[in-house]
C-alpha atoms as a PDB file:
ATOM      1  CA  UNK A   1      47.681  76.053  15.713  1.00  0.00           C
ATOM      2  CA  UNK A   2      47.287  76.996  12.051  1.00  0.00           C
ATOM      3  CA  UNK A   3      44.195  78.460  10.434  1.00  0.00           C
ATOM      4  CA  UNK A   4      43.494  75.209   8.583  1.00  0.00           C
ATOM      5  CA  UNK A   5      43.397  73.324  11.895  1.00  0.00           C
ATOM      6  CA  UNK A   6      40.846  75.811  13.181  1.00  0.00           C
ATOM      7  CA  UNK A   7      38.419  75.054  10.391  1.00  0.00           C
ATOM      8  CA  UNK A   8      37.402  76.412   7.032  1.00  0.00           C
ATOM      9  CA  UNK A   9      36.093  79.760   8.288  1.00  0.00           C
ATOM     10  CA  UNK A  10      39.398  80.712   9.901  1.00  0.00           C
ATOM     11  CA  UNK A  11      41.349  79.410   6.906  1.00  0.00           C
ATOM     12  CA  UNK A  12      39.207  81.480   4.526  1.00  0.00           C
ATOM     13  CA  UNK A  13      39.612  84.615   6.626  1.00  0.00           C
ATOM     14  CA  UNK A  14      43.380  84.110   6.852  1.00  0.00           C
ATOM     15  CA  UNK A  15      43.586  83.615   3.084  1.00  0.00           C
ATOM     16  CA  UNK A  16      41.598  86.797   2.490  1.00  0.00           C
ATOM     17  CA  UNK A  17      43.891  88.780   4.781  1.00  0.00           C
ATOM     18  CA  UNK A  18      47.019  87.423   3.088  1.00  0.00           C
ATOM     19  CA  UNK A  19      45.700  88.044  -0.414  1.00  0.00           C
ATOM     20  CA  UNK A  20      44.810  91.603   0.509  1.00  0.00           C
ATOM     21  CA  UNK A  21      48.168  92.268   2.148  1.00  0.00           C
ATOM     22  CA  UNK A  22      50.048  90.888  -0.862  1.00  0.00           C
ATOM     23  CA  UNK A  23      48.525  93.521  -3.118  1.00  0.00           C
ATOM     24  CA  UNK A  24      48.259  96.434  -0.687  1.00  0.00           C
ATOM     25  CA  UNK A  25      51.113  98.913  -0.531  1.00  0.00           C
ATOM     26  CA  UNK A  26      50.018 100.192   2.891  1.00  0.00           C
ATOM     27  CA  UNK A  27      49.984  96.665   4.349  1.00  0.00           C
ATOM     28  CA  UNK A  28      53.506  96.048   3.058  1.00  0.00           C
ATOM     29  CA  UNK A  29      54.875  99.362   4.322  1.00  0.00           C
ATOM     30  CA  UNK A  30      56.175  99.211   7.905  1.00  0.00           C
ATOM     31  CA  UNK A  31      54.344 101.683  10.106  1.00  0.00           C
ATOM     32  CA  UNK A  32      51.599 102.409   7.559  1.00  0.00           C
ATOM     33  CA  UNK A  33      47.973 101.761   8.448  1.00  0.00           C
ATOM     34  CA  UNK A  34      45.403 100.032   6.267  1.00  0.00           C
ATOM     35  CA  UNK A  35      41.817 100.000   7.465  1.00  0.00           C
ATOM     36  CA  UNK A  36      40.873  97.100   5.191  1.00  0.00           C
ATOM     37  CA  UNK A  37      43.850  95.021   6.306  1.00  0.00           C
ATOM     38  CA  UNK A  38      43.085  95.703   9.960  1.00  0.00           C
ATOM     39  CA  UNK A  39      39.439  94.694   9.457  1.00  0.00           C
ATOM     40  CA  UNK A  40      40.449  91.477   7.703  1.00  0.00           C
ATOM     41  CA  UNK A  41      42.774  90.597  10.581  1.00  0.00           C
ATOM     42  CA  UNK A  42      40.047  91.308  13.153  1.00  0.00           C
ATOM     43  CA  UNK A  43      37.665  89.061  11.211  1.00  0.00           C
ATOM     44  CA  UNK A  44      40.288  86.297  11.146  1.00  0.00           C
ATOM     45  CA  UNK A  45      40.924  86.673  14.886  1.00  0.00           C
ATOM     46  CA  UNK A  46      37.195  86.388  15.587  1.00  0.00           C
ATOM     47  CA  UNK A  47      36.959  83.238  13.443  1.00  0.00           C
ATOM     48  CA  UNK A  48      39.861  81.665  15.342  1.00  0.00           C
ATOM     49  CA  UNK A  49      38.334  82.559  18.726  1.00  0.00           C
ATOM     50  CA  UNK A  50      35.038  80.994  17.655  1.00  0.00           C
ATOM     51  CA  UNK A  51      36.748  77.842  16.351  1.00  0.00           C
ATOM     52  CA  UNK A  52      38.759  77.457  19.553  1.00  0.00           C
ATOM     53  CA  UNK A  53      35.653  77.909  21.672  1.00  0.00           C
ATOM     54  CA  UNK A  54      33.874  75.214  19.663  1.00  0.00           C
ATOM     55  CA  UNK A  55      36.840  72.849  20.127  1.00  0.00           C
ATOM     56  CA  UNK A  56      36.759  73.388  23.899  1.00  0.00           C
ATOM     57  CA  UNK A  57      33.140  72.285  24.157  1.00  0.00           C
END
């Protein structure tokens, strides 16, 4: 299931994570860690969990 199918919140969070990663050297370097990138991915994952839970209701 894509972010757009999970609703606007998940799509927005995914877009934010991708935009950050595109401009972040640490995110593009294998093995490097980026705290901001990790936080954006966690926020996206939470939005997808919430959207899936709402779809199951």
